[in-house]
Amino acid sequence: MKKYHVNPANVSCEELCKIAKSLGFDSFEGRKHTKIKTNEGEFITEIPRHNPLNKWTAKGIVEAMVAHGGNVELS
């Protein structure tokens, strides 16, 4: 499986959604956020649909994906 490298200071919501989808997570569109869940339906995190993302928000999203088995690394 490919390992993704994410720079939290320079990542867009579209990139995080694409990474989550390629890792096999399901995504559901809300009004202002994209909700990320496992295939079993367990909630992982929400990705706000605005740019730029705060680097601490992006870091938290990546850490949530890692905690659920995502092969993502902060760079």
N, C-alpha and C. Protein backbone atom coordinates (compact mmCIF):
# COMPACT_ATOMS: atom_id res chain seq x y z
N MET A 1 0.84 -1.17 0.00
CA MET A 1 0.00 0.00 0.00
C MET A 1 0.89 1.24 0.00
N LYS A 2 0.51 2.22 -0.77
CA LYS A 2 1.27 3.45 -0.89
C LYS A 2 1.20 4.26 0.41
N LYS A 3 2.32 4.86 0.78
CA LYS A 3 2.36 5.73 1.95
C LYS A 3 2.26 7.17 1.47
N TYR A 4 1.33 7.91 2.05
CA TYR A 4 1.11 9.30 1.68
C TYR A 4 1.83 10.22 2.65
N HIS A 5 2.44 11.27 2.12
CA HIS A 5 3.12 12.27 2.93
C HIS A 5 2.33 13.57 2.83
N VAL A 6 1.99 14.14 3.99
CA VAL A 6 1.16 15.34 4.03
C VAL A 6 1.89 16.43 4.79
N ASN A 7 1.98 17.59 4.18
CA ASN A 7 2.51 18.77 4.85
C ASN A 7 1.31 19.54 5.40
N PRO A 8 1.08 19.52 6.72
CA PRO A 8 -0.13 20.13 7.27
C PRO A 8 -0.21 21.64 7.06
N ALA A 9 0.92 22.29 6.82
CA ALA A 9 0.91 23.73 6.60
C ALA A 9 0.50 24.08 5.17
N ASN A 10 0.45 23.09 4.29
CA ASN A 10 0.18 23.38 2.88
C ASN A 10 -0.65 22.27 2.24
N VAL A 11 -1.79 21.95 2.84
CA VAL A 11 -2.65 20.89 2.29
C VAL A 11 -4.06 21.44 2.14
N SER A 12 -4.73 21.03 1.08
CA SER A 12 -6.09 21.50 0.85
C SER A 12 -7.09 20.43 1.29
N CYS A 13 -8.32 20.85 1.43
CA CYS A 13 -9.37 19.89 1.79
C CYS A 13 -9.55 18.85 0.70
N GLU A 14 -9.39 19.25 -0.57
CA GLU A 14 -9.53 18.30 -1.67
C GLU A 14 -8.46 17.21 -1.60
N GLU A 15 -7.22 17.60 -1.26
CA GLU A 15 -6.15 16.61 -1.15
C GLU A 15 -6.43 15.61 -0.03
N LEU A 16 -6.88 16.10 1.13
CA LEU A 16 -7.17 15.20 2.24
C LEU A 16 -8.32 14.26 1.91
N CYS A 17 -9.34 14.75 1.21
CA CYS A 17 -10.45 13.89 0.81
C CYS A 17 -9.99 12.82 -0.17
N LYS A 18 -9.12 13.20 -1.11
CA LYS A 18 -8.60 12.25 -2.09
C LYS A 18 -7.75 11.18 -1.39
N ILE A 19 -6.93 11.59 -0.43
CA ILE A 19 -6.11 10.62 0.32
C ILE A 19 -6.99 9.67 1.10
N ALA A 20 -8.01 10.19 1.77
CA ALA A 20 -8.91 9.35 2.56
C ALA A 20 -9.61 8.32 1.67
N LYS A 21 -10.05 8.76 0.51
CA LYS A 21 -10.74 7.85 -0.42
C LYS A 21 -9.78 6.77 -0.92
N SER A 22 -8.53 7.15 -1.24
CA SER A 22 -7.57 6.17 -1.74
C SER A 22 -7.12 5.20 -0.66
N LEU A 23 -7.26 5.59 0.61
CA LEU A 23 -6.95 4.68 1.72
C LEU A 23 -8.09 3.72 2.00
N GLY A 24 -9.20 3.88 1.31
CA GLY A 24 -10.32 2.96 1.46
C GLY A 24 -11.38 3.44 2.43
N PHE A 25 -11.29 4.66 2.91
CA PHE A 25 -12.31 5.20 3.79
C PHE A 25 -13.49 5.71 2.96
N ASP A 26 -14.67 5.70 3.55
CA ASP A 26 -15.86 6.23 2.89
C ASP A 26 -16.02 7.69 3.26
N SER A 27 -16.53 8.49 2.32
CA SER A 27 -16.76 9.91 2.61
C SER A 27 -18.21 10.25 2.32
N PHE A 28 -18.74 11.15 3.15
CA PHE A 28 -20.11 11.61 3.03
C PHE A 28 -20.11 13.12 3.10
N GLU A 29 -20.78 13.75 2.15
CA GLU A 29 -20.81 15.21 2.10
C GLU A 29 -21.86 15.75 3.05
N GLY A 30 -21.42 16.69 3.89
CA GLY A 30 -22.35 17.43 4.74
C GLY A 30 -22.51 18.82 4.14
N ARG A 31 -23.03 19.75 4.91
CA ARG A 31 -23.20 21.10 4.38
C ARG A 31 -21.88 21.83 4.23
N LYS A 32 -21.04 21.78 5.28
CA LYS A 32 -19.77 22.51 5.26
C LYS A 32 -18.57 21.60 5.45
N HIS A 33 -18.80 20.32 5.73
CA HIS A 33 -17.72 19.39 5.99
C HIS A 33 -17.93 18.10 5.21
N THR A 34 -16.84 17.40 4.96
CA THR A 34 -16.90 16.05 4.43
C THR A 34 -16.61 15.11 5.57
N LYS A 35 -17.50 14.19 5.84
CA LYS A 35 -17.34 13.25 6.94
C LYS A 35 -16.65 12.00 6.44
N ILE A 36 -15.65 11.55 7.17
CA ILE A 36 -14.87 10.38 6.81
C ILE A 36 -15.21 9.25 7.78
N LYS A 37 -15.55 8.08 7.22
CA LYS A 37 -15.89 6.92 8.04
C LYS A 37 -15.16 5.70 7.51
N THR A 38 -15.03 4.69 8.36
CA THR A 38 -14.47 3.42 7.93
C THR A 38 -15.51 2.69 7.09
N ASN A 39 -15.12 1.62 6.46
CA ASN A 39 -16.06 0.81 5.66
C ASN A 39 -17.16 0.21 6.53
N GLU A 40 -16.86 0.02 7.82
CA GLU A 40 -17.85 -0.53 8.75
C GLU A 40 -18.79 0.54 9.28
N GLY A 41 -18.56 1.80 8.93
CA GLY A 41 -19.44 2.89 9.35
C GLY A 41 -18.98 3.63 10.58
N GLU A 42 -17.79 3.30 11.11
CA GLU A 42 -17.27 4.00 12.29
C GLU A 42 -16.77 5.38 11.89
N PHE A 43 -17.24 6.40 12.61
CA PHE A 43 -16.85 7.77 12.31
C PHE A 43 -15.37 7.97 12.62
N ILE A 44 -14.64 8.63 11.71
CA ILE A 44 -13.23 8.92 11.91
C ILE A 44 -13.03 10.40 12.19
N THR A 45 -13.42 11.26 11.23
CA THR A 45 -13.19 12.69 11.36
C THR A 45 -14.03 13.45 10.34
N GLU A 46 -13.96 14.77 10.43
CA GLU A 46 -14.59 15.65 9.44
C GLU A 46 -13.52 16.52 8.82
N ILE A 47 -13.66 16.78 7.53
CA ILE A 47 -12.73 17.66 6.82
C ILE A 47 -13.51 18.89 6.38
N PRO A 48 -13.17 20.08 6.92
CA PRO A 48 -13.88 21.28 6.50
C PRO A 48 -13.58 21.60 5.04
N ARG A 49 -14.60 22.06 4.31
CA ARG A 49 -14.42 22.37 2.90
C ARG A 49 -14.13 23.85 2.70
N HIS A 50 -13.01 24.29 3.22
CA HIS A 50 -12.55 25.64 2.95
C HIS A 50 -11.03 25.60 2.85
N ASN A 51 -10.50 26.54 2.14
CA ASN A 51 -9.05 26.63 1.98
C ASN A 51 -8.59 28.02 2.35
N PRO A 52 -7.46 28.19 2.94
CA PRO A 52 -6.56 27.13 3.40
C PRO A 52 -7.03 26.54 4.72
N LEU A 53 -6.63 25.30 4.96
CA LEU A 53 -6.93 24.65 6.24
C LEU A 53 -5.90 25.09 7.27
N ASN A 54 -6.34 25.26 8.48
CA ASN A 54 -5.43 25.53 9.58
C ASN A 54 -4.50 24.32 9.73
N LYS A 55 -3.20 24.57 9.96
CA LYS A 55 -2.26 23.44 10.01
C LYS A 55 -2.55 22.49 11.16
N TRP A 56 -3.11 23.01 12.26
CA TRP A 56 -3.42 22.14 13.41
C TRP A 56 -4.66 21.30 13.11
N THR A 57 -5.58 21.84 12.36
CA THR A 57 -6.75 21.07 11.93
C THR A 57 -6.32 19.95 10.99
N ALA A 58 -5.47 20.27 10.03
CA ALA A 58 -4.97 19.27 9.08
C ALA A 58 -4.20 18.17 9.82
N LYS A 59 -3.40 18.55 10.79
CA LYS A 59 -2.63 17.57 11.56
C LYS A 59 -3.57 16.63 12.31
N GLY A 60 -4.63 17.17 12.90
CA GLY A 60 -5.59 16.34 13.61
C GLY A 60 -6.32 15.37 12.70
N ILE A 61 -6.64 15.81 11.49
CA ILE A 61 -7.31 14.95 10.52
C ILE A 61 -6.39 13.79 10.12
N VAL A 62 -5.13 14.10 9.85
CA VAL A 62 -4.17 13.06 9.48
C VAL A 62 -3.98 12.08 10.63
N GLU A 63 -3.85 12.58 11.85
CA GLU A 63 -3.67 11.70 13.01
C GLU A 63 -4.88 10.79 13.21
N ALA A 64 -6.09 11.29 12.93
CA ALA A 64 -7.29 10.46 13.05
C ALA A 64 -7.28 9.35 12.00
N MET A 65 -6.82 9.66 10.78
CA MET A 65 -6.74 8.62 9.75
C MET A 65 -5.69 7.58 10.12
N VAL A 66 -4.57 8.00 10.67
CA VAL A 66 -3.52 7.06 11.09
C VAL A 66 -4.04 6.16 12.20
N ALA A 67 -4.80 6.72 13.14
CA ALA A 67 -5.33 5.94 14.25
C ALA A 67 -6.29 4.84 13.78
N HIS A 68 -6.86 5.01 12.59
CA HIS A 68 -7.77 4.01 12.04
C HIS A 68 -7.12 3.20 10.91
N GLY A 69 -5.80 3.15 10.91
CA GLY A 69 -5.09 2.27 9.98
C GLY A 69 -4.65 2.90 8.69
N GLY A 70 -4.79 4.22 8.54
CA GLY A 70 -4.36 4.89 7.32
C GLY A 70 -2.84 4.97 7.24
N ASN A 71 -2.30 4.80 6.05
CA ASN A 71 -0.86 4.84 5.84
C ASN A 71 -0.45 6.24 5.41
N VAL A 72 -0.52 7.20 6.36
CA VAL A 72 -0.24 8.60 6.09
C VAL A 72 0.83 9.06 7.08
N GLU A 73 1.69 9.93 6.59
CA GLU A 73 2.77 10.45 7.42
C GLU A 73 2.82 11.97 7.29
N LEU A 74 3.01 12.63 8.42
CA LEU A 74 3.19 14.09 8.39
C LEU A 74 4.61 14.42 8.00
N SER A 75 4.77 15.40 7.12
CA SER A 75 6.12 15.79 6.70
C SER A 75 6.35 17.26 6.96
